[in-house]
C-alpha atoms as a PDB file:
ATOM      1  CA  UNK A   1     107.291 109.176 107.444  1.00  0.00           C
ATOM      2  CA  UNK A   2     105.934 106.786 104.862  1.00  0.00           C
ATOM      3  CA  UNK A   3     105.358 108.089 101.352  1.00  0.00           C
ATOM      4  CA  UNK A   4     102.515 107.068  99.099  1.00  0.00           C
ATOM      5  CA  UNK A   5     102.911 108.064  95.477  1.00  0.00           C
ATOM      6  CA  UNK A   6      99.586 108.470  93.768  1.00  0.00           C
ATOM      7  CA  UNK A   7      99.935 107.475  90.100  1.00  0.00           C
ATOM      8  CA  UNK A   8      96.626 108.921  88.975  1.00  0.00           C
ATOM      9  CA  UNK A   9      97.400 112.437  90.173  1.00  0.00           C
ATOM     10  CA  UNK A  10     101.228 112.338  90.223  1.00  0.00           C
ATOM     11  CA  UNK A  11     101.276 113.984  93.639  1.00  0.00           C
ATOM     12  CA  UNK A  12     103.509 112.849  96.495  1.00  0.00           C
ATOM     13  CA  UNK A  13     101.593 112.124  99.712  1.00  0.00           C
ATOM     14  CA  UNK A  14     103.467 111.879 103.012  1.00  0.00           C
ATOM     15  CA  UNK A  15     102.062 110.608 106.312  1.00  0.00           C
ATOM     16  CA  UNK A  16     102.674 112.656 109.431  1.00  0.00           C
ATOM     17  CA  UNK A  17     101.049 112.489 112.850  1.00  0.00           C
ATOM     18  CA  UNK A  18     101.369 116.269 113.203  1.00  0.00           C
ATOM     19  CA  UNK A  19      98.861 116.970 110.402  1.00  0.00           C
ATOM     20  CA  UNK A  20      95.941 117.950 112.623  1.00  0.00           C
ATOM     21  CA  UNK A  21      93.598 120.920 112.897  1.00  0.00           C
ATOM     22  CA  UNK A  22      92.358 122.289 116.215  1.00  0.00           C
ATOM     23  CA  UNK A  23      88.628 122.782 116.716  1.00  0.00           C
ATOM     24  CA  UNK A  24      86.298 123.625 119.577  1.00  0.00           C
ATOM     25  CA  UNK A  25      83.660 121.068 120.549  1.00  0.00           C
ATOM     26  CA  UNK A  26      80.557 122.992 121.617  1.00  0.00           C
ATOM     27  CA  UNK A  27      78.333 119.890 121.880  1.00  0.00           C
ATOM     28  CA  UNK A  28      78.309 119.993 125.700  1.00  0.00           C
ATOM     29  CA  UNK A  29      77.031 123.593 125.750  1.00  0.00           C
ATOM     30  CA  UNK A  30      73.288 124.073 126.219  1.00  0.00           C
ATOM     31  CA  UNK A  31      73.089 127.459 124.486  1.00  0.00           C
ATOM     32  CA  UNK A  32      76.037 128.155 122.149  1.00  0.00           C
ATOM     33  CA  UNK A  33      75.156 131.807 121.527  1.00  0.00           C
ATOM     34  CA  UNK A  34      74.893 132.524 125.252  1.00  0.00           C
ATOM     35  CA  UNK A  35      78.122 130.607 125.890  1.00  0.00           C
ATOM     36  CA  UNK A  36      79.941 132.603 123.191  1.00  0.00           C
ATOM     37  CA  UNK A  37      78.731 135.869 124.684  1.00  0.00           C
ATOM     38  CA  UNK A  38      79.782 134.835 128.201  1.00  0.00           C
ATOM     39  CA  UNK A  39      83.126 133.538 126.889  1.00  0.00           C
ATOM     40  CA  UNK A  40      83.863 137.030 125.515  1.00  0.00           C
ATOM     41  CA  UNK A  41      83.176 138.402 129.010  1.00  0.00           C
ATOM     42  CA  UNK A  42      85.753 136.013 130.454  1.00  0.00           C
ATOM     43  CA  UNK A  43      83.506 133.349 131.990  1.00  0.00           C
ATOM     44  CA  UNK A  44      84.588 129.717 131.640  1.00  0.00           C
ATOM     45  CA  UNK A  45      82.372 127.575 129.422  1.00  0.00           C
ATOM     46  CA  UNK A  46      81.987 123.844 128.866  1.00  0.00           C
ATOM     47  CA  UNK A  47      83.929 123.918 125.590  1.00  0.00           C
ATOM     48  CA  UNK A  48      86.441 121.180 124.785  1.00  0.00           C
ATOM     49  CA  UNK A  49      89.443 121.913 122.550  1.00  0.00           C
ATOM     50  CA  UNK A  50      90.207 118.928 120.313  1.00  0.00           C
ATOM     51  CA  UNK A  51      92.179 118.048 117.192  1.00  0.00           C
ATOM     52  CA  UNK A  52      90.940 116.373 114.014  1.00  0.00           C
ATOM     53  CA  UNK A  53      92.999 114.751 111.228  1.00  0.00           C
ATOM     54  CA  UNK A  54      93.894 117.069 108.382  1.00  0.00           C
ATOM     55  CA  UNK A  55      95.900 117.336 105.173  1.00  0.00           C
ATOM     56  CA  UNK A  56      98.016 120.227 103.904  1.00  0.00           C
ATOM     57  CA  UNK A  57      99.729 120.857 100.577  1.00  0.00           C
ATOM     58  CA  UNK A  58     103.148 122.513 100.676  1.00  0.00           C
ATOM     59  CA  UNK A  59     105.298 122.891  97.534  1.00  0.00           C
ATOM     60  CA  UNK A  60     103.438 120.174  95.633  1.00  0.00           C
ATOM     61  CA  UNK A  61     103.666 117.620  98.470  1.00  0.00           C
ATOM     62  CA  UNK A  62     100.572 116.664 100.443  1.00  0.00           C
ATOM     63  CA  UNK A  63     101.210 116.066 104.147  1.00  0.00           C
ATOM     64  CA  UNK A  64      98.322 114.085 105.621  1.00  0.00           C
ATOM     65  CA  UNK A  65      97.398 112.381 108.865  1.00  0.00           C
ATOM     66  CA  UNK A  66      97.682 108.553 108.683  1.00  0.00           C
ATOM     67  CA  UNK A  67      93.877 108.183 109.055  1.00  0.00           C
ATOM     68  CA  UNK A  68      93.324 110.272 105.913  1.00  0.00           C
ATOM     69  CA  UNK A  69      96.002 108.358 103.996  1.00  0.00           C
ATOM     70  CA  UNK A  70      94.365 105.077 105.079  1.00  0.00           C
ATOM     71  CA  UNK A  71      91.010 106.312 103.732  1.00  0.00           C
ATOM     72  CA  UNK A  72      92.659 107.413 100.473  1.00  0.00           C
ATOM     73  CA  UNK A  73      94.257 103.990 100.055  1.00  0.00           C
ATOM     74  CA  UNK A  74      90.948 102.235 100.762  1.00  0.00           C
ATOM     75  CA  UNK A  75      89.077 104.480  98.313  1.00  0.00           C
ATOM     76  CA  UNK A  76      91.709 104.048  95.596  1.00  0.00           C
ATOM     77  CA  UNK A  77      91.676 100.265  96.116  1.00  0.00           C
ATOM     78  CA  UNK A  78      87.889 100.340  95.897  1.00  0.00           C
ATOM     79  CA  UNK A  79      88.037 102.434  92.723  1.00  0.00           C
ATOM     80  CA  UNK A  80      90.659 100.082  91.234  1.00  0.00           C
ATOM     81  CA  UNK A  81      88.504  97.045  91.996  1.00  0.00           C
ATOM     82  CA  UNK A  82      85.459  98.770  90.490  1.00  0.00           C
ATOM     83  CA  UNK A  83      87.473  99.649  87.384  1.00  0.00           C
ATOM     84  CA  UNK A  84      88.726  96.080  86.973  1.00  0.00           C
ATOM     85  CA  UNK A  85      85.188  94.780  87.498  1.00  0.00           C
ATOM     86  CA  UNK A  86      83.892  97.225  84.877  1.00  0.00           C
ATOM     87  CA  UNK A  87      86.601  96.061  82.461  1.00  0.00           C
ATOM     88  CA  UNK A  88      85.623  92.444  83.094  1.00  0.00           C
ATOM     89  CA  UNK A  89      81.947  93.125  82.467  1.00  0.00           C
ATOM     90  CA  UNK A  90      82.575  95.278  79.378  1.00  0.00           C
ATOM     91  CA  UNK A  91      85.058  92.851  77.815  1.00  0.00           C
ATOM     92  CA  UNK A  92      84.006  89.366  78.871  1.00  0.00           C
ATOM     93  CA  UNK A  93      86.373  86.533  78.024  1.00  0.00           C
ATOM     94  CA  UNK A  94      84.477  83.606  76.484  1.00  0.00           C
ATOM     95  CA  UNK A  95      84.967  80.373  78.393  1.00  0.00           C
ATOM     96  CA  UNK A  96      85.019  77.056  76.643  1.00  0.00           C
ATOM     97  CA  UNK A  97      84.443  73.700  78.256  1.00  0.00           C
ATOM     98  CA  UNK A  98      88.115  72.847  77.822  1.00  0.00           C
ATOM     99  CA  UNK A  99      88.994  75.940  79.906  1.00  0.00           C
ATOM    100  CA  UNK A 100      86.737  74.757  82.707  1.00  0.00           C
ATOM    101  CA  UNK A 101      88.336  71.289  82.718  1.00  0.00           C
ATOM    102  CA  UNK A 102      85.113  69.312  82.289  1.00  0.00           C
ATOM    103  CA  UNK A 103      83.055  67.806  79.509  1.00  0.00           C
ATOM    104  CA  UNK A 104      79.564  68.857  78.328  1.00  0.00           C
ATOM    105  CA  UNK A 105      77.726  67.014  81.143  1.00  0.00           C
ATOM    106  CA  UNK A 106      79.781  68.715  83.880  1.00  0.00           C
ATOM    107  CA  UNK A 107      81.918  65.667  84.710  1.00  0.00           C
ATOM    108  CA  UNK A 108      85.640  66.015  85.354  1.00  0.00           C
END
């Protein structure tokens, strides 16, 4: 397990492949209500049982599937880059020609 400590929320996040939720995929069924009724009667239906990534919180630790942690990292990196860009646009640093390494006509 790899841990990712989130500074902004002070919550420990741990990756685990077992953090999944089961769900039934009814997309291959023509009439879901009819299929549900027939399923109760014991007839087989064209329902697929699958698993999707999930996250659970137990005793202050969030256990999440690696796909969810990857999305969290990407979103936090995106938010950090947006925040640094906002800081740069709100507090611009004035550049002088000596900082750019050229004279007034643009020659080096």
